[in-house]
Amino acid sequence: MPKPTRLKLVLVMRGLKQEWLAEQTGLPSTTVSRIVNGATPTLRNAQKIARALGVSVDDLWPLEEGESDEG
């Protein structure tokens, strides 16, 4: 069984549904579903989701070991 994403854990812990997140962000529910289930969001979509939840993008998608945010 795949490990749940941080986004999915936040939604569950707060008792929120994907439909709520789609409404808050203006993203299609299919896009939200894919992201909740592990698809990598665009930076813009990640920012919308983080803003709606009141957290940082890094809280939901931390850099993996060995990755760098320097371009």
PDB file of N, CA and C in Angstrom:
ATOM      1  N   MET A   1       0.843  -1.175   0.000  1.00  0.00           N
ATOM      2  CA  MET A   1       0.000   0.000   0.000  1.00  0.00           C
ATOM      3  C   MET A   1       0.892   1.244   0.000  1.00  0.00           C
ATOM      4  N   PRO A   2       0.614   2.224  -0.901  1.00  0.00           N
ATOM      5  CA  PRO A   2       1.461   3.405  -0.966  1.00  0.00           C
ATOM      6  C   PRO A   2       1.338   4.266   0.289  1.00  0.00           C
ATOM      7  N   LYS A   3       2.424   4.934   0.606  1.00  0.00           N
ATOM      8  CA  LYS A   3       2.458   5.834   1.754  1.00  0.00           C
ATOM      9  C   LYS A   3       1.615   7.073   1.431  1.00  0.00           C
ATOM     10  N   PRO A   4       0.726   7.498   2.345  1.00  0.00           N
ATOM     11  CA  PRO A   4      -0.089   8.684   2.053  1.00  0.00           C
ATOM     12  C   PRO A   4       0.784   9.936   1.953  1.00  0.00           C
ATOM     13  N   THR A   5       0.371  10.845   1.098  1.00  0.00           N
ATOM     14  CA  THR A   5       1.102  12.095   0.945  1.00  0.00           C
ATOM     15  C   THR A   5       0.846  12.988   2.154  1.00  0.00           C
ATOM     16  N   ARG A   6       1.742  13.941   2.369  1.00  0.00           N
ATOM     17  CA  ARG A   6       1.540  14.897   3.464  1.00  0.00           C
ATOM     18  C   ARG A   6       0.237  15.656   3.258  1.00  0.00           C
ATOM     19  N   LEU A   7      -0.070  15.980   2.015  1.00  0.00           N
ATOM     20  CA  LEU A   7      -1.309  16.690   1.724  1.00  0.00           C
ATOM     21  C   LEU A   7      -2.508  15.870   2.167  1.00  0.00           C
ATOM     22  N   LYS A   8      -2.508  14.598   1.842  1.00  0.00           N
ATOM     23  CA  LYS A   8      -3.618  13.731   2.242  1.00  0.00           C
ATOM     24  C   LYS A   8      -3.725  13.664   3.764  1.00  0.00           C
ATOM     25  N   LEU A   9      -2.589  13.567   4.446  1.00  0.00           N
ATOM     26  CA  LEU A   9      -2.595  13.521   5.908  1.00  0.00           C
ATOM     27  C   LEU A   9      -3.164  14.800   6.504  1.00  0.00           C
ATOM     28  N   VAL A  10      -2.798  15.949   5.944  1.00  0.00           N
ATOM     29  CA  VAL A  10      -3.322  17.227   6.445  1.00  0.00           C
ATOM     30  C   VAL A  10      -4.833  17.284   6.260  1.00  0.00           C
ATOM     31  N   LEU A  11      -5.309  16.884   5.098  1.00  0.00           N
ATOM     32  CA  LEU A  11      -6.754  16.900   4.854  1.00  0.00           C
ATOM     33  C   LEU A  11      -7.488  16.000   5.844  1.00  0.00           C
ATOM     34  N   VAL A  12      -6.979  14.799   6.047  1.00  0.00           N
ATOM     35  CA  VAL A  12      -7.622  13.852   6.967  1.00  0.00           C
ATOM     36  C   VAL A  12      -7.597  14.390   8.395  1.00  0.00           C
ATOM     37  N   MET A  13      -6.438  14.901   8.828  1.00  0.00           N
ATOM     38  CA  MET A  13      -6.312  15.400  10.198  1.00  0.00           C
ATOM     39  C   MET A  13      -7.245  16.579  10.462  1.00  0.00           C
ATOM     40  N   ARG A  14      -7.521  17.363   9.441  1.00  0.00           N
ATOM     41  CA  ARG A  14      -8.397  18.531   9.599  1.00  0.00           C
ATOM     42  C   ARG A  14      -9.850  18.229   9.248  1.00  0.00           C
ATOM     43  N   GLY A  15     -10.109  17.016   8.816  1.00  0.00           N
ATOM     44  CA  GLY A  15     -11.474  16.643   8.460  1.00  0.00           C
ATOM     45  C   GLY A  15     -11.969  17.331   7.198  1.00  0.00           C
ATOM     46  N   LEU A  16     -11.055  17.620   6.287  1.00  0.00           N
ATOM     47  CA  LEU A  16     -11.405  18.316   5.050  1.00  0.00           C
ATOM     48  C   LEU A  16     -11.468  17.333   3.889  1.00  0.00           C
ATOM     49  N   LYS A  17     -12.281  17.672   2.910  1.00  0.00           N
ATOM     50  CA  LYS A  17     -12.436  16.831   1.730  1.00  0.00           C
ATOM     51  C   LYS A  17     -11.743  17.472   0.528  1.00  0.00           C
ATOM     52  N   GLN A  18     -11.426  16.646  -0.439  1.00  0.00           N
ATOM     53  CA  GLN A  18     -10.788  17.136  -1.658  1.00  0.00           C
ATOM     54  C   GLN A  18     -11.669  18.161  -2.365  1.00  0.00           C
ATOM     55  N   GLU A  19     -12.981  17.987  -2.303  1.00  0.00           N
ATOM     56  CA  GLU A  19     -13.907  18.922  -2.937  1.00  0.00           C
ATOM     57  C   GLU A  19     -13.761  20.314  -2.330  1.00  0.00           C
ATOM     58  N   TRP A  20     -13.581  20.362  -1.003  1.00  0.00           N
ATOM     59  CA  TRP A  20     -13.378  21.642  -0.323  1.00  0.00           C
ATOM     60  C   TRP A  20     -12.113  22.303  -0.849  1.00  0.00           C
ATOM     61  N   LEU A  21     -11.045  21.528  -0.961  1.00  0.00           N
ATOM     62  CA  LEU A  21      -9.773  22.064  -1.428  1.00  0.00           C
ATOM     63  C   LEU A  21      -9.898  22.571  -2.861  1.00  0.00           C
ATOM     64  N   ALA A  22     -10.616  21.855  -3.693  1.00  0.00           N
ATOM     65  CA  ALA A  22     -10.830  22.292  -5.074  1.00  0.00           C
ATOM     66  C   ALA A  22     -11.576  23.625  -5.101  1.00  0.00           C
ATOM     67  N   GLU A  23     -12.598  23.765  -4.271  1.00  0.00           N
ATOM     68  CA  GLU A  23     -13.355  25.017  -4.211  1.00  0.00           C
ATOM     69  C   GLU A  23     -12.483  26.169  -3.729  1.00  0.00           C
ATOM     70  N   GLN A  24     -11.691  25.924  -2.707  1.00  0.00           N
ATOM     71  CA  GLN A  24     -10.849  26.971  -2.123  1.00  0.00           C
ATOM     72  C   GLN A  24      -9.742  27.433  -3.065  1.00  0.00           C
ATOM     73  N   THR A  25      -9.242  26.532  -3.877  1.00  0.00           N
ATOM     74  CA  THR A  25      -8.111  26.846  -4.750  1.00  0.00           C
ATOM     75  C   THR A  25      -8.531  27.221  -6.164  1.00  0.00           C
ATOM     76  N   GLY A  26      -9.745  26.853  -6.549  1.00  0.00           N
ATOM     77  CA  GLY A  26     -10.181  27.078  -7.920  1.00  0.00           C
ATOM     78  C   GLY A  26      -9.631  26.054  -8.898  1.00  0.00           C
ATOM     79  N   LEU A  27      -9.021  24.997  -8.361  1.00  0.00           N
ATOM     80  CA  LEU A  27      -8.471  23.943  -9.213  1.00  0.00           C
ATOM     81  C   LEU A  27      -9.550  22.906  -9.512  1.00  0.00           C
ATOM     82  N   PRO A  28      -9.487  22.273 -10.682  1.00  0.00           N
ATOM     83  CA  PRO A  28     -10.430  21.191 -10.972  1.00  0.00           C
ATOM     84  C   PRO A  28     -10.278  20.058  -9.954  1.00  0.00           C
ATOM     85  N   SER A  29     -11.385  19.422  -9.618  1.00  0.00           N
ATOM     86  CA  SER A  29     -11.337  18.341  -8.631  1.00  0.00           C
ATOM     87  C   SER A  29     -10.445  17.195  -9.105  1.00  0.00           C
ATOM     88  N   THR A  30     -10.363  16.988 -10.414  1.00  0.00           N
ATOM     89  CA  THR A  30      -9.490  15.926 -10.923  1.00  0.00           C
ATOM     90  C   THR A  30      -8.020  16.255 -10.663  1.00  0.00           C
ATOM     91  N   THR A  31      -7.665  17.523 -10.791  1.00  0.00           N
ATOM     92  CA  THR A  31      -6.289  17.951 -10.513  1.00  0.00           C
ATOM     93  C   THR A  31      -5.975  17.769  -9.044  1.00  0.00           C
ATOM     94  N   VAL A  32      -6.889  18.195  -8.184  1.00  0.00           N
ATOM     95  CA  VAL A  32      -6.688  18.046  -6.739  1.00  0.00           C
ATOM     96  C   VAL A  32      -6.539  16.574  -6.388  1.00  0.00           C
ATOM     97  N   SER A  33      -7.374  15.729  -6.948  1.00  0.00           N
ATOM     98  CA  SER A  33      -7.311  14.296  -6.664  1.00  0.00           C
ATOM     99  C   SER A  33      -5.953  13.714  -7.043  1.00  0.00           C
ATOM    100  N   ARG A  34      -5.455  14.081  -8.217  1.00  0.00           N
ATOM    101  CA  ARG A  34      -4.147  13.570  -8.650  1.00  0.00           C
ATOM    102  C   ARG A  34      -3.039  14.025  -7.705  1.00  0.00           C
ATOM    103  N   ILE A  35      -3.094  15.288  -7.285  1.00  0.00           N
ATOM    104  CA  ILE A  35      -2.061  15.814  -6.390  1.00  0.00           C
ATOM    105  C   ILE A  35      -2.147  15.154  -5.021  1.00  0.00           C
ATOM    106  N   VAL A  36      -3.352  15.011  -4.496  1.00  0.00           N
ATOM    107  CA  VAL A  36      -3.538  14.360  -3.191  1.00  0.00           C
ATOM    108  C   VAL A  36      -2.997  12.937  -3.228  1.00  0.00           C
ATOM    109  N   ASN A  37      -3.126  12.287  -4.367  1.00  0.00           N
ATOM    110  CA  ASN A  37      -2.688  10.900  -4.489  1.00  0.00           C
ATOM    111  C   ASN A  37      -1.245  10.741  -4.950  1.00  0.00           C
ATOM    112  N   GLY A  38      -0.491  11.846  -4.976  1.00  0.00           N
ATOM    113  CA  GLY A  38       0.942  11.722  -5.195  1.00  0.00           C
ATOM    114  C   GLY A  38       1.529  12.372  -6.424  1.00  0.00           C
ATOM    115  N   ALA A  39       0.698  12.927  -7.310  1.00  0.00           N
ATOM    116  CA  ALA A  39       1.253  13.614  -8.477  1.00  0.00           C
ATOM    117  C   ALA A  39       1.960  14.888  -8.021  1.00  0.00           C
ATOM    118  N   THR A  40       3.016  15.255  -8.707  1.00  0.00           N
ATOM    119  CA  THR A  40       3.750  16.472  -8.365  1.00  0.00           C
ATOM    120  C   THR A  40       3.020  17.680  -8.942  1.00  0.00           C
ATOM    121  N   PRO A  41       2.650  18.636  -8.085  1.00  0.00           N
ATOM    122  CA  PRO A  41       1.931  19.813  -8.577  1.00  0.00           C
ATOM    123  C   PRO A  41       2.881  20.825  -9.214  1.00  0.00           C
ATOM    124  N   THR A  42       2.318  21.698 -10.032  1.00  0.00           N
ATOM    125  CA  THR A  42       3.099  22.841 -10.498  1.00  0.00           C
ATOM    126  C   THR A  42       3.338  23.742  -9.292  1.00  0.00           C
ATOM    127  N   LEU A  43       4.314  24.615  -9.394  1.00  0.00           N
ATOM    128  CA  LEU A  43       4.592  25.530  -8.289  1.00  0.00           C
ATOM    129  C   LEU A  43       3.369  26.383  -7.981  1.00  0.00           C
ATOM    130  N   ARG A  44       2.713  26.870  -9.013  1.00  0.00           N
ATOM    131  CA  ARG A  44       1.521  27.708  -8.821  1.00  0.00           C
ATOM    132  C   ARG A  44       0.427  26.941  -8.071  1.00  0.00           C
ATOM    133  N   ASN A  45       0.172  25.696  -8.464  1.00  0.00           N
ATOM    134  CA  ASN A  45      -0.855  24.900  -7.791  1.00  0.00           C
ATOM    135  C   ASN A  45      -0.447  24.560  -6.366  1.00  0.00           C
ATOM    136  N   ALA A  46       0.829  24.275  -6.154  1.00  0.00           N
ATOM    137  CA  ALA A  46       1.318  23.996  -4.804  1.00  0.00           C
ATOM    138  C   ALA A  46       1.112  25.209  -3.907  1.00  0.00           C
ATOM    139  N   GLN A  47       1.366  26.398  -4.440  1.00  0.00           N
ATOM    140  CA  GLN A  47       1.174  27.620  -3.666  1.00  0.00           C
ATOM    141  C   GLN A  47      -0.297  27.840  -3.336  1.00  0.00           C
ATOM    142  N   LYS A  48      -1.183  27.587  -4.286  1.00  0.00           N
ATOM    143  CA  LYS A  48      -2.624  27.735  -4.046  1.00  0.00           C
ATOM    144  C   LYS A  48      -3.084  26.787  -2.943  1.00  0.00           C
ATOM    145  N   ILE A  49      -2.630  25.552  -3.002  1.00  0.00           N
ATOM    146  CA  ILE A  49      -3.024  24.548  -2.012  1.00  0.00           C
ATOM    147  C   ILE A  49      -2.484  24.914  -0.640  1.00  0.00           C
ATOM    148  N   ALA A  50      -1.216  25.265  -0.574  1.00  0.00           N
ATOM    149  CA  ALA A  50      -0.613  25.633   0.708  1.00  0.00           C
ATOM    150  C   ALA A  50      -1.322  26.844   1.306  1.00  0.00           C
ATOM    151  N   ARG A  51      -1.609  27.841   0.487  1.00  0.00           N
ATOM    152  CA  ARG A  51      -2.298  29.042   0.961  1.00  0.00           C
ATOM    153  C   ARG A  51      -3.680  28.690   1.515  1.00  0.00           C
ATOM    154  N   ALA A  52      -4.422  27.845   0.817  1.00  0.00           N
ATOM    155  CA  ALA A  52      -5.762  27.460   1.269  1.00  0.00           C
ATOM    156  C   ALA A  52      -5.718  26.751   2.618  1.00  0.00           C
ATOM    157  N   LEU A  53      -4.643  26.005   2.855  1.00  0.00           N
ATOM    158  CA  LEU A  53      -4.506  25.247   4.104  1.00  0.00           C
ATOM    159  C   LEU A  53      -3.763  26.022   5.188  1.00  0.00           C
ATOM    160  N   GLY A  54      -3.231  27.190   4.846  1.00  0.00           N
ATOM    161  CA  GLY A  54      -2.516  27.997   5.825  1.00  0.00           C
ATOM    162  C   GLY A  54      -1.179  27.418   6.241  1.00  0.00           C
ATOM    163  N   VAL A  55      -0.523  26.746   5.312  1.00  0.00           N
ATOM    164  CA  VAL A  55       0.794  26.155   5.574  1.00  0.00           C
ATOM    165  C   VAL A  55       1.743  26.582   4.459  1.00  0.00           C
ATOM    166  N   SER A  56       3.008  26.229   4.595  1.00  0.00           N
ATOM    167  CA  SER A  56       3.967  26.540   3.532  1.00  0.00           C
ATOM    168  C   SER A  56       4.026  25.380   2.534  1.00  0.00           C
ATOM    169  N   VAL A  57       4.494  25.694   1.350  1.00  0.00           N
ATOM    170  CA  VAL A  57       4.694  24.660   0.336  1.00  0.00           C
ATOM    171  C   VAL A  57       5.651  23.599   0.872  1.00  0.00           C
ATOM    172  N   ASP A  58       6.693  24.044   1.589  1.00  0.00           N
ATOM    173  CA  ASP A  58       7.670  23.102   2.155  1.00  0.00           C
ATOM    174  C   ASP A  58       7.044  22.151   3.170  1.00  0.00           C
ATOM    175  N   ASP A  59       5.997  22.602   3.866  1.00  0.00           N
ATOM    176  CA  ASP A  59       5.320  21.715   4.813  1.00  0.00           C
ATOM    177  C   ASP A  59       4.672  20.535   4.091  1.00  0.00           C
ATOM    178  N   LEU A  60       4.154  20.794   2.905  1.00  0.00           N
ATOM    179  CA  LEU A  60       3.444  19.755   2.158  1.00  0.00           C
ATOM    180  C   LEU A  60       4.356  18.953   1.237  1.00  0.00           C
ATOM    181  N   TRP A  61       5.370  19.623   0.669  1.00  0.00           N
ATOM    182  CA  TRP A  61       6.288  18.966  -0.259  1.00  0.00           C
ATOM    183  C   TRP A  61       7.721  19.320   0.112  1.00  0.00           C
ATOM    184  N   PRO A  62       8.238  18.721   1.190  1.00  0.00           N
ATOM    185  CA  PRO A  62       9.618  19.032   1.581  1.00  0.00           C
ATOM    186  C   PRO A  62      10.607  18.487   0.555  1.00  0.00           C
ATOM    187  N   LEU A  63      11.739  19.149   0.469  1.00  0.00           N
ATOM    188  CA  LEU A  63      12.788  18.662  -0.426  1.00  0.00           C
ATOM    189  C   LEU A  63      13.292  17.323   0.075  1.00  0.00           C
ATOM    190  N   GLU A  64      13.518  16.419  -0.842  1.00  0.00           N
ATOM    191  CA  GLU A  64      14.082  15.118  -0.494  1.00  0.00           C
ATOM    192  C   GLU A  64      15.569  15.284  -0.239  1.00  0.00           C
ATOM    193  N   GLU A  65      16.147  14.366   0.499  1.00  0.00           N
ATOM    194  CA  GLU A  65      17.582  14.413   0.758  1.00  0.00           C
ATOM    195  C   GLU A  65      18.341  14.422  -0.561  1.00  0.00           C
ATOM    196  N   GLY A  66      19.280  15.337  -0.679  1.00  0.00           N
ATOM    197  CA  GLY A  66      20.068  15.432  -1.896  1.00  0.00           C
ATOM    198  C   GLY A  66      19.511  16.419  -2.905  1.00  0.00           C
ATOM    199  N   GLU A  67      18.266  16.882  -2.716  1.00  0.00           N
ATOM    200  CA  GLU A  67      17.693  17.870  -3.610  1.00  0.00           C
ATOM    201  C   GLU A  67      18.089  19.255  -3.130  1.00  0.00           C
ATOM    202  N   SER A  68      18.062  20.188  -4.041  1.00  0.00           N
ATOM    203  CA  SER A  68      18.402  21.564  -3.707  1.00  0.00           C
ATOM    204  C   SER A  68      17.355  22.477  -4.303  1.00  0.00           C
ATOM    205  N   ASP A  69      17.019  23.549  -3.582  1.00  0.00           N
ATOM    206  CA  ASP A  69      16.077  24.512  -4.130  1.00  0.00           C
ATOM    207  C   ASP A  69      16.808  25.634  -4.860  1.00  0.00           C
ATOM    208  N   GLU A  70      18.113  25.496  -4.994  1.00  0.00           N
ATOM    209  CA  GLU A  70      18.895  26.482  -5.732  1.00  0.00           C
ATOM    210  C   GLU A  70      18.858  26.131  -7.210  1.00  0.00           C
ATOM    211  N   GLY A  71      18.624  27.150  -8.031  1.00  0.00           N
ATOM    212  CA  GLY A  71      18.457  26.898  -9.447  1.00  0.00           C
ATOM    213  C   GLY A  71      19.720  26.902 -10.166  1.00  0.00           C
TER     214      GLY A  71
END
